[in-house]
Structures are given as structure tokens and as C-alpha cells.
Amino acid sequence: MAQKKTILVTGGAGFIGSHLCNRLKTEDCRVISLDNYFTGSRDNHISGVEYREGHTKDIEKHVPETPDIISASIRVWKKVWENPRSYGTSTSRVPSA
């Protein structure tokens, strides 16, 4: 049996980050979220995701594990904004950041 991939999502308690965490959980990954809760909310938590509060500048302190993948949810947002058709949307439906 293959070991689950460990994925760190920065900003995982935000709107986009929480949706990313949810999707990764459906892929049977171990998901860790690091969020400073500046704009994120505990109301966005996804069951089964490990949430850690802190800033990415202190990432080694908050996430001593070595994740297989690190995903910054803001980068996902930027990709959607730059090429919305490839994500099944249009910028007219995407709220401004």
C-alpha cells in the first residue's frame, strides 16, 4: 500500500484554500494547513485536515514535517485569474481579490 502524500496548504482556512484542502482530502492525501487567520476563518475548516496557526515566515517552526508538496492558495487564485477558461470559469464571475 502506497503511503499518503503529505501536502501543506498555506492559507488553508481561507475561501480558496479551504476548497483546495477539501479537494485534496478527496484524493486521499494527508493535508496540513498553515494559516495566520488574517483573512481566513475557522468556519472554513474541513474535517480531517490538520490546521496549524502561524505565519509562513515561521514555517519550519509550525511544520516540522517535510511535505511532499507545498501549495500556496494565493498562487491557485492567480492561475485561475490569469487563465479562467482552463478552470471552467470566466473573470466576469470571479470576485476581485
N, C-alpha and C. Protein backbone atom coordinates (compact mmCIF):
# COMPACT_ATOMS: atom_id res chain seq x y z
N MET A 1 0.84 -1.18 0.00
CA MET A 1 0.00 0.00 0.00
C MET A 1 0.89 1.24 0.00
N ALA A 2 0.60 2.16 -0.92
CA ALA A 2 1.39 3.38 -1.02
C ALA A 2 1.07 4.33 0.13
N GLN A 3 2.11 5.03 0.58
CA GLN A 3 1.93 5.99 1.66
C GLN A 3 1.25 7.24 1.12
N LYS A 4 0.36 7.83 1.93
CA LYS A 4 -0.34 9.05 1.53
C LYS A 4 0.66 10.18 1.33
N LYS A 5 0.41 11.00 0.32
CA LYS A 5 1.22 12.20 0.15
C LYS A 5 0.82 13.21 1.21
N THR A 6 1.81 13.90 1.76
CA THR A 6 1.57 14.97 2.71
C THR A 6 1.66 16.29 1.96
N ILE A 7 0.57 17.04 2.01
CA ILE A 7 0.51 18.31 1.29
C ILE A 7 0.24 19.43 2.28
N LEU A 8 1.06 20.47 2.21
CA LEU A 8 0.89 21.65 3.04
C LEU A 8 0.21 22.72 2.20
N VAL A 9 -0.92 23.22 2.70
CA VAL A 9 -1.63 24.31 2.03
C VAL A 9 -1.50 25.54 2.91
N THR A 10 -0.82 26.57 2.40
CA THR A 10 -0.77 27.81 3.16
C THR A 10 -2.05 28.58 2.85
N GLY A 11 -2.63 29.16 3.88
CA GLY A 11 -3.89 29.86 3.70
C GLY A 11 -5.07 28.92 3.60
N GLY A 12 -4.97 27.75 4.20
CA GLY A 12 -5.98 26.72 4.09
C GLY A 12 -7.30 27.02 4.79
N ALA A 13 -7.36 28.09 5.58
CA ALA A 13 -8.61 28.47 6.25
C ALA A 13 -9.33 29.58 5.50
N GLY A 14 -8.80 29.98 4.36
CA GLY A 14 -9.46 30.98 3.53
C GLY A 14 -10.43 30.32 2.56
N PHE A 15 -11.09 31.14 1.76
CA PHE A 15 -12.09 30.62 0.83
C PHE A 15 -11.47 29.65 -0.17
N ILE A 16 -10.45 30.09 -0.87
CA ILE A 16 -9.83 29.24 -1.89
C ILE A 16 -9.07 28.10 -1.24
N GLY A 17 -8.30 28.41 -0.19
CA GLY A 17 -7.52 27.39 0.50
C GLY A 17 -8.37 26.26 1.06
N SER A 18 -9.53 26.60 1.62
CA SER A 18 -10.40 25.57 2.19
C SER A 18 -10.96 24.66 1.10
N HIS A 19 -11.26 25.23 -0.08
CA HIS A 19 -11.73 24.41 -1.19
C HIS A 19 -10.61 23.51 -1.71
N LEU A 20 -9.40 24.03 -1.72
CA LEU A 20 -8.25 23.23 -2.12
C LEU A 20 -8.03 22.09 -1.13
N CYS A 21 -8.11 22.39 0.16
CA CYS A 21 -7.97 21.35 1.19
C CYS A 21 -9.03 20.27 1.02
N ASN A 22 -10.26 20.69 0.76
CA ASN A 22 -11.35 19.74 0.57
C ASN A 22 -11.07 18.82 -0.62
N ARG A 23 -10.61 19.39 -1.70
CA ARG A 23 -10.30 18.59 -2.89
C ARG A 23 -9.17 17.61 -2.62
N LEU A 24 -8.14 18.06 -1.93
CA LEU A 24 -7.01 17.19 -1.63
C LEU A 24 -7.42 16.04 -0.71
N LYS A 25 -8.35 16.29 0.21
CA LYS A 25 -8.84 15.22 1.08
C LYS A 25 -9.56 14.14 0.25
N THR A 26 -10.25 14.56 -0.81
CA THR A 26 -10.93 13.56 -1.65
C THR A 26 -9.93 12.73 -2.43
N GLU A 27 -8.70 13.23 -2.58
CA GLU A 27 -7.64 12.49 -3.26
C GLU A 27 -6.86 11.61 -2.28
N ASP A 28 -7.37 11.50 -1.06
CA ASP A 28 -6.77 10.67 -0.01
C ASP A 28 -5.34 11.09 0.34
N CYS A 29 -5.15 12.40 0.48
CA CYS A 29 -3.86 12.95 0.89
C CYS A 29 -3.93 13.34 2.36
N ARG A 30 -2.77 13.37 3.00
CA ARG A 30 -2.68 13.97 4.33
C ARG A 30 -2.51 15.46 4.09
N VAL A 31 -3.44 16.26 4.59
CA VAL A 31 -3.42 17.70 4.32
C VAL A 31 -3.17 18.46 5.62
N ILE A 32 -2.17 19.33 5.57
CA ILE A 32 -1.84 20.23 6.68
C ILE A 32 -2.08 21.65 6.17
N SER A 33 -2.78 22.45 6.97
CA SER A 33 -3.00 23.85 6.62
C SER A 33 -2.22 24.72 7.60
N LEU A 34 -1.51 25.69 7.05
CA LEU A 34 -0.85 26.71 7.87
C LEU A 34 -1.49 28.03 7.51
N ASP A 35 -2.12 28.65 8.49
CA ASP A 35 -2.85 29.90 8.23
C ASP A 35 -2.64 30.85 9.41
N ASN A 36 -2.49 32.13 9.10
CA ASN A 36 -2.36 33.12 10.17
C ASN A 36 -3.71 33.72 10.55
N TYR A 37 -4.78 33.31 9.87
CA TYR A 37 -6.15 33.75 10.14
C TYR A 37 -6.35 35.26 10.00
N PHE A 38 -5.50 35.88 9.19
CA PHE A 38 -5.69 37.30 8.92
C PHE A 38 -6.99 37.51 8.14
N THR A 39 -7.20 36.69 7.13
CA THR A 39 -8.46 36.72 6.38
C THR A 39 -9.19 35.38 6.43
N GLY A 40 -8.50 34.33 6.82
CA GLY A 40 -9.12 33.01 6.92
C GLY A 40 -10.01 32.90 8.15
N SER A 41 -10.81 31.84 8.20
CA SER A 41 -11.74 31.66 9.31
C SER A 41 -11.81 30.20 9.72
N ARG A 42 -11.96 29.98 11.01
CA ARG A 42 -12.13 28.61 11.50
C ARG A 42 -13.44 28.01 11.00
N ASP A 43 -14.36 28.85 10.58
CA ASP A 43 -15.61 28.37 9.99
C ASP A 43 -15.37 27.62 8.68
N ASN A 44 -14.21 27.84 8.05
CA ASN A 44 -13.87 27.19 6.79
C ASN A 44 -13.13 25.87 6.97
N HIS A 45 -12.90 25.45 8.20
CA HIS A 45 -12.16 24.21 8.44
C HIS A 45 -12.85 23.01 7.80
N ILE A 46 -12.05 22.12 7.26
CA ILE A 46 -12.51 20.89 6.63
C ILE A 46 -12.14 19.72 7.53
N SER A 47 -13.09 18.85 7.78
CA SER A 47 -12.85 17.69 8.62
C SER A 47 -11.71 16.83 8.05
N GLY A 48 -10.80 16.44 8.92
CA GLY A 48 -9.69 15.60 8.51
C GLY A 48 -8.43 16.35 8.13
N VAL A 49 -8.51 17.68 8.04
CA VAL A 49 -7.34 18.50 7.72
C VAL A 49 -6.71 18.93 9.04
N GLU A 50 -5.38 18.89 9.10
CA GLU A 50 -4.65 19.33 10.29
C GLU A 50 -4.39 20.84 10.16
N TYR A 51 -4.97 21.62 11.05
CA TYR A 51 -4.81 23.07 11.00
C TYR A 51 -3.77 23.53 12.01
N ARG A 52 -2.88 24.39 11.54
CA ARG A 52 -1.86 24.98 12.41
C ARG A 52 -1.87 26.48 12.19
N GLU A 53 -1.85 27.19 13.30
CA GLU A 53 -1.90 28.65 13.22
C GLU A 53 -0.50 29.22 13.24
N GLY A 54 -0.20 30.07 12.26
CA GLY A 54 1.11 30.70 12.22
C GLY A 54 1.34 31.34 10.87
N HIS A 55 2.47 32.01 10.76
CA HIS A 55 2.86 32.72 9.54
C HIS A 55 3.86 31.88 8.76
N THR A 56 3.83 32.01 7.45
CA THR A 56 4.74 31.24 6.61
C THR A 56 6.21 31.59 6.85
N LYS A 57 6.48 32.77 7.39
CA LYS A 57 7.89 33.10 7.67
C LYS A 57 8.45 32.20 8.77
N ASP A 58 7.56 31.58 9.54
CA ASP A 58 7.98 30.65 10.60
C ASP A 58 7.58 29.22 10.26
N ILE A 59 7.58 28.90 8.99
CA ILE A 59 7.04 27.62 8.52
C ILE A 59 7.74 26.41 9.17
N GLU A 60 9.05 26.49 9.36
CA GLU A 60 9.78 25.35 9.94
C GLU A 60 9.37 25.10 11.39
N LYS A 61 9.00 26.14 12.09
CA LYS A 61 8.56 26.00 13.48
C LYS A 61 7.18 25.33 13.55
N HIS A 62 6.31 25.70 12.63
CA HIS A 62 4.93 25.20 12.66
C HIS A 62 4.74 23.87 11.93
N VAL A 63 5.62 23.61 10.98
CA VAL A 63 5.51 22.38 10.19
C VAL A 63 6.87 21.69 10.14
N PRO A 64 7.19 20.91 11.19
CA PRO A 64 8.49 20.25 11.21
C PRO A 64 8.58 19.08 10.22
N GLU A 65 7.42 18.58 9.77
CA GLU A 65 7.43 17.51 8.78
C GLU A 65 7.96 18.05 7.45
N THR A 66 8.34 17.14 6.58
CA THR A 66 8.73 17.52 5.23
C THR A 66 7.60 17.12 4.29
N PRO A 67 6.77 18.10 3.89
CA PRO A 67 5.66 17.76 2.99
C PRO A 67 6.16 17.36 1.61
N ASP A 68 5.36 16.55 0.93
CA ASP A 68 5.68 16.19 -0.45
C ASP A 68 5.43 17.37 -1.38
N ILE A 69 4.40 18.14 -1.05
CA ILE A 69 4.03 19.30 -1.88
C ILE A 69 3.63 20.45 -0.95
N ILE A 70 4.03 21.67 -1.33
CA ILE A 70 3.58 22.87 -0.63
C ILE A 70 2.80 23.68 -1.63
N SER A 71 1.56 24.03 -1.27
CA SER A 71 0.70 24.78 -2.16
C SER A 71 0.24 26.06 -1.49
N ALA A 72 0.56 27.17 -2.09
CA ALA A 72 0.09 28.46 -1.59
C ALA A 72 -1.21 28.77 -2.32
N SER A 73 -2.31 28.86 -1.59
CA SER A 73 -3.60 29.04 -2.24
C SER A 73 -3.67 30.32 -3.05
N ILE A 74 -2.90 31.33 -2.72
CA ILE A 74 -2.90 32.56 -3.49
C ILE A 74 -2.37 32.32 -4.90
N ARG A 75 -1.46 31.36 -5.03
CA ARG A 75 -0.95 31.03 -6.37
C ARG A 75 -2.05 30.39 -7.20
N VAL A 76 -2.88 29.58 -6.57
CA VAL A 76 -4.01 28.99 -7.28
C VAL A 76 -4.92 30.09 -7.78
N TRP A 77 -5.23 31.06 -6.93
CA TRP A 77 -6.09 32.18 -7.30
C TRP A 77 -5.51 32.91 -8.50
N LYS A 78 -4.21 33.17 -8.47
CA LYS A 78 -3.55 33.89 -9.57
C LYS A 78 -3.68 33.11 -10.86
N LYS A 79 -3.50 31.78 -10.81
CA LYS A 79 -3.62 30.96 -12.02
C LYS A 79 -5.04 31.00 -12.57
N VAL A 80 -6.04 30.94 -11.69
CA VAL A 80 -7.43 31.00 -12.13
C VAL A 80 -7.70 32.34 -12.78
N TRP A 81 -7.21 33.42 -12.16
CA TRP A 81 -7.45 34.75 -12.68
C TRP A 81 -6.80 34.94 -14.05
N GLU A 82 -5.58 34.41 -14.22
CA GLU A 82 -4.85 34.60 -15.47
C GLU A 82 -5.39 33.74 -16.60
N ASN A 83 -5.97 32.59 -16.29
CA ASN A 83 -6.45 31.68 -17.33
C ASN A 83 -7.76 31.03 -16.89
N PRO A 84 -8.83 31.82 -16.74
CA PRO A 84 -10.07 31.31 -16.17
C PRO A 84 -10.74 30.21 -16.98
N ARG A 85 -10.61 30.25 -18.29
CA ARG A 85 -11.27 29.24 -19.12
C ARG A 85 -10.76 27.84 -18.84
N SER A 86 -9.49 27.71 -18.50
CA SER A 86 -8.95 26.39 -18.21
C SER A 86 -9.47 25.84 -16.89
N TYR A 87 -10.11 26.68 -16.08
CA TYR A 87 -10.68 26.25 -14.81
C TYR A 87 -12.21 26.26 -14.85
N GLY A 88 -12.77 26.39 -16.07
CA GLY A 88 -14.22 26.32 -16.22
C GLY A 88 -14.96 27.54 -15.70
N THR A 89 -14.32 28.70 -15.74
CA THR A 89 -14.97 29.92 -15.27
C THR A 89 -14.55 31.08 -16.16
N SER A 90 -15.03 32.25 -15.86
CA SER A 90 -14.60 33.45 -16.55
C SER A 90 -14.31 34.51 -15.51
N THR A 91 -13.50 35.49 -15.85
CA THR A 91 -13.15 36.51 -14.88
C THR A 91 -14.36 37.37 -14.52
N SER A 92 -15.40 37.37 -15.34
CA SER A 92 -16.59 38.14 -15.00
C SER A 92 -17.32 37.53 -13.81
N ARG A 93 -17.08 36.22 -13.55
CA ARG A 93 -17.72 35.56 -12.42
C ARG A 93 -16.79 35.43 -11.22
N VAL A 94 -15.53 35.80 -11.40
CA VAL A 94 -14.56 35.67 -10.33
C VAL A 94 -14.51 36.97 -9.55
N PRO A 95 -14.79 36.95 -8.23
CA PRO A 95 -14.76 38.19 -7.46
C PRO A 95 -13.35 38.75 -7.37
N SER A 96 -13.25 40.06 -7.27
CA SER A 96 -11.94 40.68 -7.16
C SER A 96 -11.32 40.35 -5.81
N ALA A 97 -10.01 40.29 -5.79
CA ALA A 97 -9.28 39.94 -4.57
C ALA A 97 -9.22 41.11 -3.61
